[in-house]
Amino acid sequence: MIPRDLEDWTEELIIEMLRTSIFESEHFDYKESLPHPSDQSAKGRLRKTCCAFANTDGGYLVFGISDDRTLPPKNRLIGLPKELDFPEHFGNYPKNCFPSIYWQFKNPPITLDSGKLIQIVYIPASPESPHATGHIENGWQFMKRTNKGNEPMAPDEVRLRFLSFYEKRIKLELLKAELEMLRDRAKSGYVDDESAVSTSLSVVTFDTHVIDTVLSDTFVLVSRAPMLVKIVGEIRVLVQMAANAFGTVSHMLYQGYTNKEETFRNHNERLKAVYTRIEELCDAALQELDVLLGNNAA
């Protein structure tokens, strides 16, 4: 019954969930309101919940639901003031976790008959897990989400999450190195001298071993950069095109095709276009990768 997407949440669905006693679980949590600015304990609990969802399988926070379970389900939908700038006020909580947590909210929110709003937040499982709340002076707290609510992660869980995260980052650095190599080889790999375009062949080949293996291993990270995935996919196609073109012209020459000058020229012009495009795509992929790795100061 728990919706899979933000847009699937409705007033009727929430009432039905309350009516059938579907309470907080590992995948969602009801909140009556945002914490009062002076309530440090409540603010800390909300940050822990943000971390717990991000460190586990993700989940929803539903704001504007009364804590009083003796009320009829419909009456528990009390909502938040319409004038409250919810994204700004809530956004401070995931922002102040370390590292900061990505989140989305239902827009527009659910409007009640009273004019108040039910605000719904989605925090996906994070590729940058583990996230922590606390302070370096007082110690960090790493939380996970279970069917009992928020619970501390065991030290071994935290250690393994860190190892997994940094292993993926190292693989992305390898991907960056291979993209730089592909760009440089593409830049110098085609025959551009008019005096040689009919007598020499572009024979540069490309190694995409890292691209072929790393993307699947680091998908939880690169999934946040869909443009990078698209660009790298196009690079792989063009690299294969270049390999096929070289195989075709080699076969033609082996078969004794007589017009070698025309064959050489057509081959070189075709590969120049392919290599130029590979160079452009590598530059674009490297920019996306720098943003993903946090190497872009902007």
C-alpha atoms as a PDB file:
ATOM      1  CA  MET A   1       0.000   0.000   0.000  1.00  0.00           C
ATOM      2  CA  ILE A   2       2.958   2.347   0.529  1.00  0.00           C
ATOM      3  CA  PRO A   3       3.315   4.366  -2.701  1.00  0.00           C
ATOM      4  CA  ARG A   4       6.402   3.988  -4.854  1.00  0.00           C
ATOM      5  CA  ASP A   5       6.417   7.575  -6.133  1.00  0.00           C
ATOM      6  CA  LEU A   6       5.734  10.992  -4.633  1.00  0.00           C
ATOM      7  CA  GLU A   7       2.912  11.715  -7.064  1.00  0.00           C
ATOM      8  CA  ASP A   8       1.064   8.580  -5.888  1.00  0.00           C
ATOM      9  CA  TRP A   9       0.457   9.992  -2.402  1.00  0.00           C
ATOM     10  CA  THR A  10      -3.101  11.272  -1.906  1.00  0.00           C
ATOM     11  CA  GLU A  11      -5.260  12.359   1.009  1.00  0.00           C
ATOM     12  CA  GLU A  12      -7.491   9.302   0.550  1.00  0.00           C
ATOM     13  CA  LEU A  13      -4.515   6.947   0.584  1.00  0.00           C
ATOM     14  CA  ILE A  14      -3.117   8.409   3.806  1.00  0.00           C
ATOM     15  CA  ILE A  15      -6.526   8.128   5.485  1.00  0.00           C
ATOM     16  CA  GLU A  16      -6.757   4.485   4.389  1.00  0.00           C
ATOM     17  CA  MET A  17      -3.257   3.799   5.723  1.00  0.00           C
ATOM     18  CA  LEU A  18      -4.221   5.314   9.072  1.00  0.00           C
ATOM     19  CA  ARG A  19      -7.535   3.430   9.099  1.00  0.00           C
ATOM     20  CA  THR A  20      -5.805   0.081   8.564  1.00  0.00           C
ATOM     21  CA  SER A  21      -3.213   0.909  11.232  1.00  0.00           C
ATOM     22  CA  ILE A  22      -0.268   1.152   8.863  1.00  0.00           C
ATOM     23  CA  PHE A  23       2.040   3.099  11.116  1.00  0.00           C
ATOM     24  CA  GLU A  24       5.663   4.118  10.789  1.00  0.00           C
ATOM     25  CA  SER A  25       7.907   1.466   9.277  1.00  0.00           C
ATOM     26  CA  GLU A  26      11.331   1.103   7.693  1.00  0.00           C
ATOM     27  CA  HIS A  27       9.965   2.896   4.627  1.00  0.00           C
ATOM     28  CA  PHE A  28       8.017   5.875   5.981  1.00  0.00           C
ATOM     29  CA  ASP A  29       7.400   8.030   9.026  1.00  0.00           C
ATOM     30  CA  TYR A  30       4.557  10.328  10.087  1.00  0.00           C
ATOM     31  CA  LYS A  31       5.411  13.731  11.532  1.00  0.00           C
ATOM     32  CA  GLU A  32       2.986  16.160  13.148  1.00  0.00           C
ATOM     33  CA  SER A  33       5.082  19.196  12.290  1.00  0.00           C
ATOM     34  CA  LEU A  34       8.596  20.453  11.824  1.00  0.00           C
ATOM     35  CA  PRO A  35      10.533  20.785  15.091  1.00  0.00           C
ATOM     36  CA  HIS A  36      10.279  24.045  17.004  1.00  0.00           C
ATOM     37  CA  PRO A  37      13.465  26.095  16.466  1.00  0.00           C
ATOM     38  CA  SER A  38      14.321  25.819  20.170  1.00  0.00           C
ATOM     39  CA  ASP A  39      13.695  22.062  20.433  1.00  0.00           C
ATOM     40  CA  GLN A  40      17.195  20.708  19.877  1.00  0.00           C
ATOM     41  CA  SER A  41      16.170  17.152  20.729  1.00  0.00           C
ATOM     42  CA  ALA A  42      13.423  17.051  18.072  1.00  0.00           C
ATOM     43  CA  LYS A  43      15.746  18.640  15.520  1.00  0.00           C
ATOM     44  CA  GLY A  44      18.334  15.967  16.246  1.00  0.00           C
ATOM     45  CA  ARG A  45      15.747  13.198  15.841  1.00  0.00           C
ATOM     46  CA  LEU A  46      14.689  14.528  12.435  1.00  0.00           C
ATOM     47  CA  ARG A  47      18.300  14.646  11.247  1.00  0.00           C
ATOM     48  CA  LYS A  48      18.726  11.048  12.436  1.00  0.00           C
ATOM     49  CA  THR A  49      15.648  10.003  10.462  1.00  0.00           C
ATOM     50  CA  CYS A  50      17.040  11.659   7.333  1.00  0.00           C
ATOM     51  CA  CYS A  51      20.319   9.786   7.788  1.00  0.00           C
ATOM     52  CA  ALA A  52      18.553   6.507   8.563  1.00  0.00           C
ATOM     53  CA  PHE A  53      16.519   6.557   5.353  1.00  0.00           C
ATOM     54  CA  ALA A  54      19.540   7.593   3.268  1.00  0.00           C
ATOM     55  CA  ASN A  55      21.703   4.882   4.856  1.00  0.00           C
ATOM     56  CA  THR A  56      19.146   2.126   4.274  1.00  0.00           C
ATOM     57  CA  ASP A  57      16.593   1.725   1.488  1.00  0.00           C
ATOM     58  CA  GLY A  58      15.160   5.228   1.384  1.00  0.00           C
ATOM     59  CA  GLY A  59      11.750   6.309   2.611  1.00  0.00           C
ATOM     60  CA  TYR A  60       9.030   8.921   2.973  1.00  0.00           C
ATOM     61  CA  LEU A  61       8.343  11.528   5.636  1.00  0.00           C
ATOM     62  CA  VAL A  62       4.696  12.619   5.830  1.00  0.00           C
ATOM     63  CA  PHE A  63       4.272  15.951   7.640  1.00  0.00           C
ATOM     64  CA  GLY A  64       0.976  17.184   9.063  1.00  0.00           C
ATOM     65  CA  ILE A  65      -0.269  13.963  10.728  1.00  0.00           C
ATOM     66  CA  SER A  66      -1.384  14.193  14.362  1.00  0.00           C
ATOM     67  CA  ASP A  67       0.379  11.931  16.841  1.00  0.00           C
ATOM     68  CA  ASP A  68      -2.959  11.270  18.610  1.00  0.00           C
ATOM     69  CA  ARG A  69      -3.906   7.751  17.514  1.00  0.00           C
ATOM     70  CA  THR A  70      -7.256   7.959  19.345  1.00  0.00           C
ATOM     71  CA  LEU A  71      -8.559  10.379  16.696  1.00  0.00           C
ATOM     72  CA  PRO A  72     -10.497   9.121  13.662  1.00  0.00           C
ATOM     73  CA  PRO A  73      -8.111   8.703  10.699  1.00  0.00           C
ATOM     74  CA  LYS A  74      -9.429  11.701   8.766  1.00  0.00           C
ATOM     75  CA  ASN A  75      -9.109  13.950  11.824  1.00  0.00           C
ATOM     76  CA  ARG A  76      -5.446  13.058  12.186  1.00  0.00           C
ATOM     77  CA  LEU A  77      -4.706  14.977   8.982  1.00  0.00           C
ATOM     78  CA  ILE A  78      -4.106  18.376  10.559  1.00  0.00           C
ATOM     79  CA  GLY A  79      -1.674  19.752   7.996  1.00  0.00           C
ATOM     80  CA  LEU A  80       0.962  22.477   8.137  1.00  0.00           C
ATOM     81  CA  PRO A  81       0.383  26.220   7.674  1.00  0.00           C
ATOM     82  CA  LYS A  82       0.143  27.198   4.019  1.00  0.00           C
ATOM     83  CA  GLU A  83       2.407  30.198   4.551  1.00  0.00           C
ATOM     84  CA  LEU A  84       5.257  28.017   5.873  1.00  0.00           C
ATOM     85  CA  ASP A  85       8.160  27.867   3.419  1.00  0.00           C
ATOM     86  CA  PHE A  86       8.468  24.129   3.850  1.00  0.00           C
ATOM     87  CA  PRO A  87      11.356  23.393   1.435  1.00  0.00           C
ATOM     88  CA  GLU A  88      13.533  26.032   3.080  1.00  0.00           C
ATOM     89  CA  HIS A  89      12.731  24.991   6.653  1.00  0.00           C
ATOM     90  CA  PHE A  90      12.953  21.247   6.099  1.00  0.00           C
ATOM     91  CA  GLY A  91      15.959  21.512   3.794  1.00  0.00           C
ATOM     92  CA  ASN A  92      18.216  22.521   6.671  1.00  0.00           C
ATOM     93  CA  TYR A  93      17.938  19.048   8.194  1.00  0.00           C
ATOM     94  CA  PRO A  94      19.301  16.879   5.352  1.00  0.00           C
ATOM     95  CA  LYS A  95      21.712  19.695   4.512  1.00  0.00           C
ATOM     96  CA  ASN A  96      23.232  19.553   7.998  1.00  0.00           C
ATOM     97  CA  CYS A  97      23.906  15.832   7.850  1.00  0.00           C
ATOM     98  CA  PHE A  98      27.379  14.756   6.762  1.00  0.00           C
ATOM     99  CA  PRO A  99      27.627  14.458   3.865  1.00  0.00           C
ATOM    100  CA  SER A 100      24.462  16.357   2.973  1.00  0.00           C
ATOM    101  CA  ILE A 101      21.520  14.242   1.833  1.00  0.00           C
ATOM    102  CA  TYR A 102      19.577  14.478  -1.415  1.00  0.00           C
ATOM    103  CA  TRP A 103      15.799  14.736  -1.035  1.00  0.00           C
ATOM    104  CA  GLN A 104      12.627  15.533  -2.972  1.00  0.00           C
ATOM    105  CA  PHE A 105       9.185  16.732  -1.927  1.00  0.00           C
ATOM    106  CA  LYS A 106       5.700  16.380  -3.411  1.00  0.00           C
ATOM    107  CA  ASN A 107       4.943  19.509  -5.390  1.00  0.00           C
ATOM    108  CA  PRO A 108       2.232  20.627  -5.165  1.00  0.00           C
ATOM    109  CA  PRO A 109       1.570  19.237  -1.687  1.00  0.00           C
ATOM    110  CA  ILE A 110      -1.779  17.794  -0.603  1.00  0.00           C
ATOM    111  CA  THR A 111      -4.219  20.587   0.278  1.00  0.00           C
ATOM    112  CA  LEU A 112      -6.782  19.821   2.984  1.00  0.00           C
ATOM    113  CA  ASP A 113     -10.274  21.331   3.223  1.00  0.00           C
ATOM    114  CA  SER A 114      -8.917  23.546   6.006  1.00  0.00           C
ATOM    115  CA  GLY A 115      -6.426  25.083   3.589  1.00  0.00           C
ATOM    116  CA  LYS A 116      -3.501  23.521   5.417  1.00  0.00           C
ATOM    117  CA  LEU A 117      -1.017  21.288   3.635  1.00  0.00           C
ATOM    118  CA  ILE A 118       0.243  17.738   3.947  1.00  0.00           C
ATOM    119  CA  GLN A 119       3.910  17.877   2.957  1.00  0.00           C
ATOM    120  CA  ILE A 120       5.590  14.679   1.800  1.00  0.00           C
ATOM    121  CA  VAL A 121       9.348  14.217   1.502  1.00  0.00           C
ATOM    122  CA  TYR A 122      11.169  11.389  -0.241  1.00  0.00           C
ATOM    123  CA  ILE A 123      14.745  10.523   0.746  1.00  0.00           C
ATOM    124  CA  PRO A 124      16.219   7.858  -1.567  1.00  0.00           C
ATOM    125  CA  ALA A 125      18.863   5.357  -0.581  1.00  0.00           C
ATOM    126  CA  SER A 126      22.077   7.314  -0.919  1.00  0.00           C
ATOM    127  CA  PRO A 127      25.094   6.377  -3.053  1.00  0.00           C
ATOM    128  CA  GLU A 128      27.178   8.434  -0.592  1.00  0.00           C
ATOM    129  CA  SER A 129      26.231   6.346   2.429  1.00  0.00           C
ATOM    130  CA  PRO A 130      27.067   6.307   5.276  1.00  0.00           C
ATOM    131  CA  HIS A 131      25.636   9.658   6.362  1.00  0.00           C
ATOM    132  CA  ALA A 132      26.080  10.866   9.913  1.00  0.00           C
ATOM    133  CA  THR A 133      24.627  13.423  12.245  1.00  0.00           C
ATOM    134  CA  GLY A 134      26.393  14.988  15.184  1.00  0.00           C
ATOM    135  CA  HIS A 135      29.636  16.904  15.473  1.00  0.00           C
ATOM    136  CA  ILE A 136      33.298  16.034  15.392  1.00  0.00           C
ATOM    137  CA  GLU A 137      33.684  17.247  18.993  1.00  0.00           C
ATOM    138  CA  ASN A 138      30.765  15.200  20.350  1.00  0.00           C
ATOM    139  CA  GLY A 139      31.020  12.228  18.021  1.00  0.00           C
ATOM    140  CA  TRP A 140      29.157  11.167  14.908  1.00  0.00           C
ATOM    141  CA  GLN A 141      26.009   9.053  14.927  1.00  0.00           C
ATOM    142  CA  PHE A 142      25.346   6.689  12.027  1.00  0.00           C
ATOM    143  CA  MET A 143      21.729   5.559  11.847  1.00  0.00           C
ATOM    144  CA  LYS A 144      19.857   2.937   9.847  1.00  0.00           C
ATOM    145  CA  ARG A 145      16.143   2.382   9.364  1.00  0.00           C
ATOM    146  CA  THR A 146      14.355  -0.775  10.544  1.00  0.00           C
ATOM    147  CA  ASN A 147      10.717  -1.700  11.155  1.00  0.00           C
ATOM    148  CA  LYS A 148      11.279  -0.455  14.701  1.00  0.00           C
ATOM    149  CA  GLY A 149      12.364   3.009  13.565  1.00  0.00           C
ATOM    150  CA  ASN A 150      15.848   4.521  13.695  1.00  0.00           C
ATOM    151  CA  GLU A 151      18.647   2.392  15.120  1.00  0.00           C
ATOM    152  CA  PRO A 152      22.417   2.947  15.370  1.00  0.00           C
ATOM    153  CA  MET A 153      24.543   1.190  12.772  1.00  0.00           C
ATOM    154  CA  ALA A 154      27.031  -1.311  14.138  1.00  0.00           C
ATOM    155  CA  PRO A 155      30.707  -0.305  13.798  1.00  0.00           C
ATOM    156  CA  ASP A 156      31.294  -3.038  11.201  1.00  0.00           C
ATOM    157  CA  GLU A 157      28.344  -1.774   9.152  1.00  0.00           C
ATOM    158  CA  VAL A 158      29.795   1.734   9.121  1.00  0.00           C
ATOM    159  CA  ARG A 159      33.263   0.463   8.199  1.00  0.00           C
ATOM    160  CA  LEU A 160      31.950  -1.634   5.300  1.00  0.00           C
ATOM    161  CA  ARG A 161      29.869   1.264   3.977  1.00  0.00           C
ATOM    162  CA  PHE A 162      32.916   3.525   3.960  1.00  0.00           C
ATOM    163  CA  LEU A 163      35.028   0.878   2.218  1.00  0.00           C
ATOM    164  CA  SER A 164      32.348   0.313  -0.414  1.00  0.00           C
ATOM    165  CA  PHE A 165      31.920   4.034  -1.049  1.00  0.00           C
ATOM    166  CA  TYR A 166      35.626   4.765  -1.451  1.00  0.00           C
ATOM    167  CA  GLU A 167      36.161   1.667  -3.588  1.00  0.00           C
ATOM    168  CA  LYS A 168      33.537   3.002  -6.001  1.00  0.00           C
ATOM    169  CA  ARG A 169      35.172   6.436  -6.028  1.00  0.00           C
ATOM    170  CA  ILE A 170      38.538   4.889  -6.884  1.00  0.00           C
ATOM    171  CA  LYS A 171      36.906   3.070  -9.798  1.00  0.00           C
ATOM    172  CA  LEU A 172      35.435   6.356 -11.009  1.00  0.00           C
ATOM    173  CA  GLU A 173      38.920   7.865 -10.896  1.00  0.00           C
ATOM    174  CA  LEU A 174      40.048   4.984 -13.142  1.00  0.00           C
ATOM    175  CA  LEU A 175      37.169   5.798 -15.479  1.00  0.00           C
ATOM    176  CA  LYS A 176      38.343   9.394 -15.563  1.00  0.00           C
ATOM    177  CA  ALA A 177      41.870   8.304 -16.496  1.00  0.00           C
ATOM    178  CA  GLU A 178      40.564   6.114 -19.317  1.00  0.00           C
ATOM    179  CA  LEU A 179      38.367   8.916 -20.688  1.00  0.00           C
ATOM    180  CA  GLU A 180      41.381  11.241 -20.714  1.00  0.00           C
ATOM    181  CA  MET A 181      43.380   8.590 -22.598  1.00  0.00           C
ATOM    182  CA  LEU A 182      40.560   8.064 -25.114  1.00  0.00           C
ATOM    183  CA  ARG A 183      40.289  11.808 -25.682  1.00  0.00           C
ATOM    184  CA  ASP A 184      44.025  12.171 -26.297  1.00  0.00           C
ATOM    185  CA  ARG A 185      44.141   9.180 -28.653  1.00  0.00           C
ATOM    186  CA  ALA A 186      41.116  10.453 -30.569  1.00  0.00           C
ATOM    187  CA  LYS A 187      42.682  13.904 -30.876  1.00  0.00           C
ATOM    188  CA  SER A 188      45.832  12.539 -32.518  1.00  0.00           C
ATOM    189  CA  GLY A 189      44.480   9.379 -34.096  1.00  0.00           C
ATOM    190  CA  TYR A 190      43.195  10.492 -37.478  1.00  0.00           C
ATOM    191  CA  VAL A 191      45.032  11.507 -40.652  1.00  0.00           C
ATOM    192  CA  ASP A 192      44.446  15.223 -41.149  1.00  0.00           C
ATOM    193  CA  ASP A 193      47.266  16.061 -43.558  1.00  0.00           C
ATOM    194  CA  GLU A 194      45.774  16.551 -47.036  1.00  0.00           C
ATOM    195  CA  SER A 195      48.942  15.238 -48.640  1.00  0.00           C
ATOM    196  CA  ALA A 196      48.606  11.952 -46.726  1.00  0.00           C
ATOM    197  CA  VAL A 197      44.845  11.465 -46.544  1.00  0.00           C
ATOM    198  CA  SER A 198      44.849   9.349 -49.720  1.00  0.00           C
ATOM    199  CA  THR A 199      47.982   7.370 -48.934  1.00  0.00           C
ATOM    200  CA  SER A 200      47.891   6.643 -45.186  1.00  0.00           C
ATOM    201  CA  LEU A 201      45.397   4.978 -42.874  1.00  0.00           C
ATOM    202  CA  SER A 202      44.123   5.952 -39.415  1.00  0.00           C
ATOM    203  CA  VAL A 203      44.959   2.868 -37.387  1.00  0.00           C
ATOM    204  CA  VAL A 204      44.519   4.077 -33.793  1.00  0.00           C
ATOM    205  CA  THR A 205      42.490   1.683 -31.645  1.00  0.00           C
ATOM    206  CA  PHE A 206      40.846   2.304 -28.292  1.00  0.00           C
ATOM    207  CA  ASP A 207      40.828   0.326 -25.068  1.00  0.00           C
ATOM    208  CA  THR A 208      37.535   0.655 -23.180  1.00  0.00           C
ATOM    209  CA  HIS A 209      38.163  -2.065 -20.600  1.00  0.00           C
ATOM    210  CA  VAL A 210      37.510   0.276 -17.663  1.00  0.00           C
ATOM    211  CA  ILE A 211      34.349   1.705 -19.214  1.00  0.00           C
ATOM    212  CA  ASP A 212      33.074  -1.803 -19.893  1.00  0.00           C
ATOM    213  CA  THR A 213      33.567  -2.980 -16.304  1.00  0.00           C
ATOM    214  CA  VAL A 214      33.336   0.063 -14.042  1.00  0.00           C
ATOM    215  CA  LEU A 215      29.892   1.421 -14.891  1.00  0.00           C
ATOM    216  CA  SER A 216      28.039  -1.582 -13.509  1.00  0.00           C
ATOM    217  CA  ASP A 217      30.216  -1.644 -10.380  1.00  0.00           C
ATOM    218  CA  THR A 218      29.592   2.039  -9.658  1.00  0.00           C
ATOM    219  CA  PHE A 219      25.978   2.316 -10.795  1.00  0.00           C
ATOM    220  CA  VAL A 220      24.739   3.616  -7.427  1.00  0.00           C
ATOM    221  CA  LEU A 221      27.024   6.609  -7.926  1.00  0.00           C
ATOM    222  CA  VAL A 222      26.669   7.234 -11.663  1.00  0.00           C
ATOM    223  CA  SER A 223      22.883   6.849 -11.491  1.00  0.00           C
ATOM    224  CA  ARG A 224      22.892  10.383 -10.107  1.00  0.00           C
ATOM    225  CA  ALA A 225      24.507  11.563 -13.345  1.00  0.00           C
ATOM    226  CA  PRO A 226      22.260  10.184 -16.118  1.00  0.00           C
ATOM    227  CA  MET A 227      23.925  12.429 -18.696  1.00  0.00           C
ATOM    228  CA  LEU A 228      27.279  10.793 -17.920  1.00  0.00           C
ATOM    229  CA  VAL A 229      25.782   7.350 -18.499  1.00  0.00           C
ATOM    230  CA  LYS A 230      24.305   8.512 -21.810  1.00  0.00           C
ATOM    231  CA  ILE A 231      27.569  10.081 -22.989  1.00  0.00           C
ATOM    232  CA  VAL A 232      29.685   7.062 -22.074  1.00  0.00           C
ATOM    233  CA  GLY A 233      27.207   4.823 -23.882  1.00  0.00           C
ATOM    234  CA  GLU A 234      27.632   6.892 -27.041  1.00  0.00           C
ATOM    235  CA  ILE A 235      31.428   6.743 -26.692  1.00  0.00           C
ATOM    236  CA  ARG A 236      31.275   2.948 -26.584  1.00  0.00           C
ATOM    237  CA  VAL A 237      29.185   2.879 -29.769  1.00  0.00           C
ATOM    238  CA  LEU A 238      31.617   5.180 -31.598  1.00  0.00           C
ATOM    239  CA  VAL A 239      34.642   3.177 -30.467  1.00  0.00           C
ATOM    240  CA  GLN A 240      33.012   0.069 -31.911  1.00  0.00           C
ATOM    241  CA  MET A 241      32.250   1.956 -35.138  1.00  0.00           C
ATOM    242  CA  ALA A 242      35.926   2.899 -35.434  1.00  0.00           C
ATOM    243  CA  ALA A 243      36.987  -0.721 -34.912  1.00  0.00           C
ATOM    244  CA  ASN A 244      34.488  -1.915 -37.521  1.00  0.00           C
ATOM    245  CA  ALA A 245      35.658   0.705 -40.023  1.00  0.00           C
ATOM    246  CA  PHE A 246      39.267  -0.405 -39.676  1.00  0.00           C
ATOM    247  CA  GLY A 247      38.233  -4.029 -40.102  1.00  0.00           C
ATOM    248  CA  THR A 248      36.251  -3.180 -43.226  1.00  0.00           C
ATOM    249  CA  VAL A 249      39.047  -1.266 -44.944  1.00  0.00           C
ATOM    250  CA  SER A 250      41.576  -3.966 -44.038  1.00  0.00           C
ATOM    251  CA  HIS A 251      39.325  -6.563 -45.649  1.00  0.00           C
ATOM    252  CA  MET A 252      38.957  -4.435 -48.792  1.00  0.00           C
ATOM    253  CA  LEU A 253      42.716  -4.077 -49.130  1.00  0.00           C
ATOM    254  CA  TYR A 254      43.246  -7.783 -48.511  1.00  0.00           C
ATOM    255  CA  GLN A 255      40.762  -8.576 -51.281  1.00  0.00           C
ATOM    256  CA  GLY A 256      42.799  -6.431 -53.680  1.00  0.00           C
ATOM    257  CA  TYR A 257      40.400  -3.527 -54.039  1.00  0.00           C
ATOM    258  CA  THR A 258      42.037  -1.435 -56.769  1.00  0.00           C
ATOM    259  CA  ASN A 259      41.135   2.163 -55.914  1.00  0.00           C
ATOM    260  CA  LYS A 260      43.307   2.483 -52.833  1.00  0.00           C
ATOM    261  CA  GLU A 261      43.395   6.286 -52.844  1.00  0.00           C
ATOM    262  CA  GLU A 262      39.614   6.509 -52.727  1.00  0.00           C
ATOM    263  CA  THR A 263      39.475   3.807 -50.061  1.00  0.00           C
ATOM    264  CA  PHE A 264      42.066   5.584 -47.915  1.00  0.00           C
ATOM    265  CA  ARG A 265      40.371   8.973 -48.277  1.00  0.00           C
ATOM    266  CA  ASN A 266      36.888   7.672 -47.447  1.00  0.00           C
ATOM    267  CA  HIS A 267      38.212   5.739 -44.464  1.00  0.00           C
ATOM    268  CA  ASN A 268      40.168   8.709 -43.089  1.00  0.00           C
ATOM    269  CA  GLU A 269      37.300  11.160 -43.544  1.00  0.00           C
ATOM    270  CA  ARG A 270      34.898   8.784 -41.828  1.00  0.00           C
ATOM    271  CA  LEU A 271      37.232   8.208 -38.900  1.00  0.00           C
ATOM    272  CA  LYS A 272      38.033  11.901 -38.565  1.00  0.00           C
ATOM    273  CA  ALA A 273      34.339  12.561 -37.929  1.00  0.00           C
ATOM    274  CA  VAL A 274      34.131   9.651 -35.474  1.00  0.00           C
ATOM    275  CA  TYR A 275      37.323  10.579 -33.599  1.00  0.00           C
ATOM    276  CA  THR A 276      36.331  14.245 -33.386  1.00  0.00           C
ATOM    277  CA  ARG A 277      33.015  13.227 -31.868  1.00  0.00           C
ATOM    278  CA  ILE A 278      34.747  10.883 -29.408  1.00  0.00           C
ATOM    279  CA  GLU A 279      36.997  13.753 -28.333  1.00  0.00           C
ATOM    280  CA  GLU A 280      33.987  16.038 -27.765  1.00  0.00           C
ATOM    281  CA  LEU A 281      32.125  13.368 -25.822  1.00  0.00           C
ATOM    282  CA  CYS A 282      35.140  12.582 -23.634  1.00  0.00           C
ATOM    283  CA  ASP A 283      35.402  16.258 -22.684  1.00  0.00           C
ATOM    284  CA  ALA A 284      31.700  16.321 -21.817  1.00  0.00           C
ATOM    285  CA  ALA A 285      31.956  13.077 -19.819  1.00  0.00           C
ATOM    286  CA  LEU A 286      34.967  14.381 -17.881  1.00  0.00           C
ATOM    287  CA  GLN A 287      33.012  17.491 -16.901  1.00  0.00           C
ATOM    288  CA  GLU A 288      30.107  15.350 -15.660  1.00  0.00           C
ATOM    289  CA  LEU A 289      32.522  13.086 -13.812  1.00  0.00           C
ATOM    290  CA  ASP A 290      34.234  16.008 -12.076  1.00  0.00           C
ATOM    291  CA  VAL A 291      30.871  17.193 -10.774  1.00  0.00           C
ATOM    292  CA  LEU A 292      30.039  13.683  -9.562  1.00  0.00           C
ATOM    293  CA  LEU A 293      33.392  13.342  -7.804  1.00  0.00           C
ATOM    294  CA  GLY A 294      33.151  16.797  -6.278  1.00  0.00           C
ATOM    295  CA  ASN A 295      36.208  18.053  -8.175  1.00  0.00           C
ATOM    296  CA  ASN A 296      34.281  20.962  -9.686  1.00  0.00           C
ATOM    297  CA  ALA A 297      34.609  24.024  -7.486  1.00  0.00           C
ATOM    298  CA  ALA A 298      31.398  25.450  -8.935  1.00  0.00           C
END
